[in-house]
C-alpha atoms as a PDB file:
ATOM      1  CA  MET A   1       2.836 -14.876   7.742  1.00  0.00           C
ATOM      2  CA  THR A   2       3.759 -17.799   9.870  1.00  0.00           C
ATOM      3  CA  ARG A   3       2.377 -18.615  13.296  1.00  0.00           C
ATOM      4  CA  ILE A   4       4.989 -16.694  15.174  1.00  0.00           C
ATOM      5  CA  GLN A   5       5.154 -13.882  16.314  1.00  0.00           C
ATOM      6  CA  ARG A   6       7.220 -11.200  17.475  1.00  0.00           C
ATOM      7  CA  ALA A   7       9.084 -10.544  20.657  1.00  0.00           C
ATOM      8  CA  LEU A   8       9.627  -6.991  21.689  1.00  0.00           C
ATOM      9  CA  PRO A   9      13.238  -5.841  21.394  1.00  0.00           C
ATOM     10  CA  VAL A  10      14.320  -4.879  24.885  1.00  0.00           C
ATOM     11  CA  ALA A  11      16.995  -3.049  26.793  1.00  0.00           C
ATOM     12  CA  GLY A  12      18.308  -3.589  30.291  1.00  0.00           C
ATOM     13  CA  ILE A  13      15.647  -1.738  32.247  1.00  0.00           C
ATOM     14  CA  ALA A  14      12.846  -2.950  34.459  1.00  0.00           C
ATOM     15  CA  ILE A  15       9.410  -1.509  33.788  1.00  0.00           C
ATOM     16  CA  VAL A  16       5.862  -2.607  33.230  1.00  0.00           C
ATOM     17  CA  LEU A  17       4.207  -1.067  30.190  1.00  0.00           C
ATOM     18  CA  THR A  18       0.498  -1.750  29.765  1.00  0.00           C
ATOM     19  CA  ALA A  19      -1.915   0.439  27.849  1.00  0.00           C
ATOM     20  CA  GLY A  20       0.581   3.280  27.754  1.00  0.00           C
ATOM     21  CA  SER A  21       1.500   3.669  31.430  1.00  0.00           C
ATOM     22  CA  LEU A  22       4.889   3.054  33.013  1.00  0.00           C
ATOM     23  CA  VAL A  23       5.353   1.649  36.511  1.00  0.00           C
ATOM     24  CA  GLY A  24       8.410   0.248  38.305  1.00  0.00           C
ATOM     25  CA  ALA A  25       8.573  -3.577  38.125  1.00  0.00           C
ATOM     26  CA  THR A  26      10.681  -6.509  36.949  1.00  0.00           C
ATOM     27  CA  ALA A  27       9.155  -7.205  33.556  1.00  0.00           C
ATOM     28  CA  ILE A  28       7.846  -5.387  30.521  1.00  0.00           C
ATOM     29  CA  SER A  29       4.249  -6.079  29.539  1.00  0.00           C
ATOM     30  CA  VAL A  30       2.858  -4.658  26.319  1.00  0.00           C
ATOM     31  CA  GLN A  31      -0.676  -4.915  24.984  1.00  0.00           C
ATOM     32  CA  ALA A  32      -1.431  -3.243  21.681  1.00  0.00           C
ATOM     33  CA  LYS A  33      -4.431  -0.933  21.951  1.00  0.00           C
ATOM     34  CA  THR A  34      -7.488  -1.549  19.840  1.00  0.00           C
ATOM     35  CA  ALA A  35      -8.280   1.088  17.249  1.00  0.00           C
ATOM     36  CA  ASN A  36     -11.117   2.660  19.252  1.00  0.00           C
ATOM     37  CA  GLU A  37      -9.120   3.158  22.455  1.00  0.00           C
ATOM     38  CA  SER A  38      -8.013   6.702  23.132  1.00  0.00           C
ATOM     39  CA  THR A  39      -4.319   7.364  22.674  1.00  0.00           C
ATOM     40  CA  ALA A  40      -4.689  10.677  24.462  1.00  0.00           C
ATOM     41  CA  ALA A  41      -6.094   9.011  27.568  1.00  0.00           C
ATOM     42  CA  SER A  42      -3.204   6.580  27.794  1.00  0.00           C
ATOM     43  CA  LYS A  43      -0.628   9.329  27.405  1.00  0.00           C
ATOM     44  CA  SER A  44      -2.070  11.300  30.300  1.00  0.00           C
ATOM     45  CA  THR A  45      -0.617   8.758  32.746  1.00  0.00           C
ATOM     46  CA  ALA A  46       2.473   7.785  30.786  1.00  0.00           C
ATOM     47  CA  THR A  47       6.045   8.747  31.442  1.00  0.00           C
ATOM     48  CA  THR A  48       7.041   9.765  27.932  1.00  0.00           C
ATOM     49  CA  ILE A  49      10.199  10.869  26.251  1.00  0.00           C
ATOM     50  CA  PRO A  50       9.402  14.340  24.876  1.00  0.00           C
ATOM     51  CA  ALA A  51       9.583  15.215  21.214  1.00  0.00           C
ATOM     52  CA  ASP A  52      12.568  17.257  20.157  1.00  0.00           C
ATOM     53  CA  ILE A  53      12.430  21.055  19.967  1.00  0.00           C
ATOM     54  CA  SER A  54      11.088  20.982  16.395  1.00  0.00           C
ATOM     55  CA  GLY A  55       8.158  18.791  17.481  1.00  0.00           C
ATOM     56  CA  LYS A  56       9.414  15.772  15.540  1.00  0.00           C
ATOM     57  CA  ARG A  57       9.229  12.274  16.981  1.00  0.00           C
ATOM     58  CA  ALA A  58      11.538  11.701  19.929  1.00  0.00           C
ATOM     59  CA  ALA A  59      14.671   9.660  19.305  1.00  0.00           C
ATOM     60  CA  ALA A  60      16.225   7.272  21.817  1.00  0.00           C
ATOM     61  CA  GLN A  61      19.437   8.433  23.474  1.00  0.00           C
ATOM     62  CA  THR A  62      20.049   5.064  25.193  1.00  0.00           C
ATOM     63  CA  PRO A  63      19.005   1.429  24.651  1.00  0.00           C
ATOM     64  CA  ALA A  64      16.587   1.865  27.584  1.00  0.00           C
ATOM     65  CA  GLU A  65      14.892   4.833  25.886  1.00  0.00           C
ATOM     66  CA  LEU A  66      14.712   2.856  22.651  1.00  0.00           C
ATOM     67  CA  LEU A  67      12.775   0.144  24.495  1.00  0.00           C
ATOM     68  CA  GLN A  68      10.465   2.710  26.081  1.00  0.00           C
ATOM     69  CA  LEU A  69       9.676   4.344  22.755  1.00  0.00           C
ATOM     70  CA  LEU A  70       9.063   1.028  21.028  1.00  0.00           C
ATOM     71  CA  GLY A  71       6.764  -0.073  23.830  1.00  0.00           C
ATOM     72  CA  GLU A  72       4.739   3.130  23.675  1.00  0.00           C
ATOM     73  CA  ARG A  73       4.391   2.865  19.906  1.00  0.00           C
ATOM     74  CA  ILE A  74       3.341  -0.784  20.067  1.00  0.00           C
ATOM     75  CA  VAL A  75       0.640   0.115  22.609  1.00  0.00           C
ATOM     76  CA  THR A  76      -0.793   2.760  20.261  1.00  0.00           C
ATOM     77  CA  LYS A  77      -0.179   0.660  17.113  1.00  0.00           C
ATOM     78  CA  ASP A  78       1.937   3.496  15.709  1.00  0.00           C
ATOM     79  CA  VAL A  79       3.504   1.570  12.832  1.00  0.00           C
ATOM     80  CA  ASP A  80       5.240   4.629  11.362  1.00  0.00           C
ATOM     81  CA  GLY A  81       6.743   5.356  14.776  1.00  0.00           C
ATOM     82  CA  ILE A  82       7.907   1.759  15.129  1.00  0.00           C
ATOM     83  CA  ILE A  83       9.583   1.845  11.719  1.00  0.00           C
ATOM     84  CA  ALA A  84      11.383   5.057  12.730  1.00  0.00           C
ATOM     85  CA  LEU A  85      13.096   3.089  15.520  1.00  0.00           C
ATOM     86  CA  HIS A  86      14.722   0.627  13.096  1.00  0.00           C
ATOM     87  CA  GLU A  87      17.739   1.026  10.834  1.00  0.00           C
ATOM     88  CA  PRO A  88      16.745   0.899   7.143  1.00  0.00           C
ATOM     89  CA  HIS A  89      18.148  -2.624   6.736  1.00  0.00           C
ATOM     90  CA  ALA A  90      17.131  -3.987  10.145  1.00  0.00           C
ATOM     91  CA  ALA A  91      15.900  -7.581  10.412  1.00  0.00           C
ATOM     92  CA  ILE A  92      13.432  -9.673  12.421  1.00  0.00           C
ATOM     93  CA  VAL A  93      13.906 -13.445  12.743  1.00  0.00           C
ATOM     94  CA  ASN A  94      10.634 -15.313  12.168  1.00  0.00           C
ATOM     95  CA  TYR A  95       9.656 -18.588  13.868  1.00  0.00           C
ATOM     96  CA  ASP A  96      10.202 -20.591  10.662  1.00  0.00           C
ATOM     97  CA  GLY A  97      13.750 -19.224  10.350  1.00  0.00           C
ATOM     98  CA  SER A  98      12.894 -16.758   7.587  1.00  0.00           C
ATOM     99  CA  ILE A  99      14.146 -13.200   7.924  1.00  0.00           C
ATOM    100  CA  VAL A 100      11.986 -10.084   7.674  1.00  0.00           C
ATOM    101  CA  ARG A 101      14.290  -7.407   6.233  1.00  0.00           C
ATOM    102  CA  GLY A 102      14.007  -3.667   5.797  1.00  0.00           C
ATOM    103  CA  HIS A 103      11.370  -1.084   6.596  1.00  0.00           C
ATOM    104  CA  LYS A 104       8.796  -2.270   4.047  1.00  0.00           C
ATOM    105  CA  GLU A 105       8.793  -5.873   5.297  1.00  0.00           C
ATOM    106  CA  ILE A 106       8.943  -4.845   8.969  1.00  0.00           C
ATOM    107  CA  ARG A 107       5.926  -2.582   8.418  1.00  0.00           C
ATOM    108  CA  ALA A 108       3.952  -5.474   6.898  1.00  0.00           C
ATOM    109  CA  PHE A 109       5.046  -7.717   9.778  1.00  0.00           C
ATOM    110  CA  TYR A 110       3.742  -5.325  12.441  1.00  0.00           C
ATOM    111  CA  VAL A 111       0.463  -4.650  10.603  1.00  0.00           C
ATOM    112  CA  GLU A 112      -0.179  -8.409  10.474  1.00  0.00           C
ATOM    113  CA  TRP A 113       0.953  -8.995  14.077  1.00  0.00           C
ATOM    114  CA  PHE A 114      -1.358  -6.342  15.490  1.00  0.00           C
ATOM    115  CA  LYS A 115      -4.360  -8.253  14.076  1.00  0.00           C
ATOM    116  CA  SER A 116      -3.694 -10.921  16.744  1.00  0.00           C
ATOM    117  CA  ASP A 117      -4.229  -8.493  19.684  1.00  0.00           C
ATOM    118  CA  PRO A 118      -0.882  -9.434  21.256  1.00  0.00           C
ATOM    119  CA  VAL A 119      -0.050  -9.227  24.940  1.00  0.00           C
ATOM    120  CA  LEU A 120       3.696  -9.506  25.437  1.00  0.00           C
ATOM    121  CA  THR A 121       5.657  -9.739  28.686  1.00  0.00           C
ATOM    122  CA  VAL A 122       9.422  -9.378  28.385  1.00  0.00           C
ATOM    123  CA  ASN A 123      12.057 -10.065  31.044  1.00  0.00           C
ATOM    124  CA  PRO A 124      15.357  -8.425  30.055  1.00  0.00           C
ATOM    125  CA  ARG A 125      18.202 -10.303  31.742  1.00  0.00           C
ATOM    126  CA  GLN A 126      21.392  -8.761  30.357  1.00  0.00           C
ATOM    127  CA  THR A 127      22.437  -5.857  28.139  1.00  0.00           C
ATOM    128  CA  VAL A 128      26.031  -5.583  26.940  1.00  0.00           C
ATOM    129  CA  VAL A 129      27.191  -2.383  25.222  1.00  0.00           C
ATOM    130  CA  ALA A 130      30.508  -2.596  23.372  1.00  0.00           C
ATOM    131  CA  GLY A 131      32.530  -1.352  20.429  1.00  0.00           C
ATOM    132  CA  GLY A 132      32.245   2.071  18.870  1.00  0.00           C
ATOM    133  CA  LYS A 133      34.690   4.694  17.681  1.00  0.00           C
ATOM    134  CA  ARG A 134      36.070   7.901  19.128  1.00  0.00           C
ATOM    135  CA  ALA A 135      36.936  10.860  16.904  1.00  0.00           C
ATOM    136  CA  GLY A 136      39.403  13.126  18.690  1.00  0.00           C
ATOM    137  CA  ASN A 137      37.983  14.266  22.043  1.00  0.00           C
ATOM    138  CA  ALA A 138      34.421  13.412  21.011  1.00  0.00           C
ATOM    139  CA  LYS A 139      32.325  10.768  22.754  1.00  0.00           C
ATOM    140  CA  VAL A 140      32.498   7.161  21.634  1.00  0.00           C
ATOM    141  CA  ARG A 141      29.783   6.608  19.020  1.00  0.00           C
ATOM    142  CA  SER A 142      28.468   3.749  16.888  1.00  0.00           C
ATOM    143  CA  ARG A 143      28.406   1.329  19.830  1.00  0.00           C
ATOM    144  CA  THR A 144      26.427  -1.902  19.629  1.00  0.00           C
ATOM    145  CA  ALA A 145      24.271  -3.405  22.383  1.00  0.00           C
ATOM    146  CA  ALA A 146      23.232  -7.054  22.664  1.00  0.00           C
ATOM    147  CA  ILE A 147      20.082  -7.413  24.753  1.00  0.00           C
ATOM    148  CA  MET A 148      19.129 -10.842  26.090  1.00  0.00           C
ATOM    149  CA  GLY A 149      16.242 -12.213  28.114  1.00  0.00           C
ATOM    150  CA  ASP A 150      13.013 -14.210  27.989  1.00  0.00           C
ATOM    151  CA  TYR A 151       9.388 -13.469  27.199  1.00  0.00           C
ATOM    152  CA  SER A 152       5.826 -14.754  27.144  1.00  0.00           C
ATOM    153  CA  LEU A 153       3.345 -13.844  24.436  1.00  0.00           C
ATOM    154  CA  GLU A 154      -0.418 -14.296  24.242  1.00  0.00           C
ATOM    155  CA  GLN A 155      -2.271 -13.614  21.009  1.00  0.00           C
ATOM    156  CA  THR A 156      -5.295 -14.650  18.971  1.00  0.00           C
ATOM    157  CA  ALA A 157      -4.778 -17.670  16.725  1.00  0.00           C
ATOM    158  CA  PRO A 158      -6.247 -17.878  13.202  1.00  0.00           C
ATOM    159  CA  ASP A 159      -9.145 -19.979  14.586  1.00  0.00           C
ATOM    160  CA  GLY A 160     -10.033 -17.196  17.045  1.00  0.00           C
ATOM    161  CA  THR A 161      -8.732 -18.886  20.198  1.00  0.00           C
ATOM    162  CA  ARG A 162      -6.087 -17.308  22.398  1.00  0.00           C
ATOM    163  CA  GLU A 163      -2.688 -19.017  22.318  1.00  0.00           C
ATOM    164  CA  SER A 164       0.406 -18.580  24.468  1.00  0.00           C
ATOM    165  CA  PHE A 165       4.131 -18.850  23.756  1.00  0.00           C
ATOM    166  CA  THR A 166       7.312 -18.507  25.784  1.00  0.00           C
ATOM    167  CA  GLY A 167      10.881 -18.144  24.608  1.00  0.00           C
ATOM    168  CA  ASN A 168      14.229 -16.405  24.782  1.00  0.00           C
ATOM    169  CA  PHE A 169      15.470 -13.464  22.755  1.00  0.00           C
ATOM    170  CA  CYS A 170      18.749 -11.838  21.773  1.00  0.00           C
ATOM    171  CA  ASP A 171      18.363  -8.470  20.068  1.00  0.00           C
ATOM    172  CA  THR A 172      20.948  -6.117  18.593  1.00  0.00           C
ATOM    173  CA  VAL A 173      20.668  -2.332  18.713  1.00  0.00           C
ATOM    174  CA  GLN A 174      23.114   0.160  17.256  1.00  0.00           C
ATOM    175  CA  GLU A 175      24.135   3.659  18.275  1.00  0.00           C
ATOM    176  CA  GLN A 176      23.994   6.091  15.383  1.00  0.00           C
ATOM    177  CA  PRO A 177      26.680   8.733  14.676  1.00  0.00           C
ATOM    178  CA  ASN A 178      24.425  11.396  16.272  1.00  0.00           C
ATOM    179  CA  GLY A 179      24.174   9.436  19.539  1.00  0.00           C
ATOM    180  CA  THR A 180      20.659   8.044  19.053  1.00  0.00           C
ATOM    181  CA  TRP A 181      19.908   4.297  19.058  1.00  0.00           C
ATOM    182  CA  LEU A 182      18.053   2.108  16.524  1.00  0.00           C
ATOM    183  CA  TYR A 183      17.172  -1.576  16.228  1.00  0.00           C
ATOM    184  CA  VAL A 184      19.357  -3.675  13.910  1.00  0.00           C
ATOM    185  CA  GLN A 185      18.063  -7.178  14.643  1.00  0.00           C
ATOM    186  CA  ASP A 186      15.173  -8.622  16.630  1.00  0.00           C
ATOM    187  CA  ASN A 187      15.705 -12.325  17.287  1.00  0.00           C
ATOM    188  CA  PRO A 188      13.095 -13.960  19.555  1.00  0.00           C
ATOM    189  CA  TYR A 189      14.450 -17.465  18.812  1.00  0.00           C
ATOM    190  CA  PRO A 190      18.188 -17.736  19.599  1.00  0.00           C
ATOM    191  CA  PRO A 191      19.661 -20.116  18.717  1.00  0.00           C
ATOM    192  CA  HIS A 192      17.032 -21.101  16.167  1.00  0.00           C
ATOM    193  CA  GLY A 193      15.669 -24.562  16.847  1.00  0.00           C
ATOM    194  CA  SER A 194      16.842 -24.657  20.472  1.00  0.00           C
ATOM    195  CA  GLY A 195      14.704 -26.635  22.889  1.00  0.00           C
ATOM    196  CA  THR A 196      14.591 -23.584  25.151  1.00  0.00           C
ATOM    197  CA  SER A 197      13.299 -21.152  22.548  1.00  0.00           C
ATOM    198  CA  ALA A 198       9.711 -20.589  21.540  1.00  0.00           C
ATOM    199  CA  HIS A 199       7.577 -23.181  23.271  1.00  0.00           C
ATOM    200  CA  HIS A 200       4.400 -23.419  21.166  1.00  0.00           C
END
């Protein structure tokens, strides 16, 4: 793993998410819970998207819900739940320009990232939804959303000290044929090598 690390894919909503609770605000702040913290306690104050009628994991019906679900699953370090929010061939851009591709690599990326006890604050600035297809009188499906903004990240460095980063992001999320949304690409460094991205 390189030094980087990951910016939370975001949608155009304004919330603060810390330790599993949601409150109105202008930024998104996420801190992954340590293993001994109670998930049940955090959910008692959270605004959550309910599971479907079969009790399976909830699926996002909008880019905003996709962000909410990802944030909740990062807080509880629910790696399986995080993977479920990504298309099978989704990608994450790493600080060194390498690409993390597919569920297996994304899983390994999150497992490693959580070791740094990250605290991430994300400021979504613009979300543009476009494209898609309409079949007969059905709703337009398979739309794409580009989500842009800036973030700050604090995490533990390999030497045990806390380090801070700031940068910009441009993420891509895709509507599925059933109307749910999944992540396609998480890019916390656009354009790669820019003087305005990822200040380390």
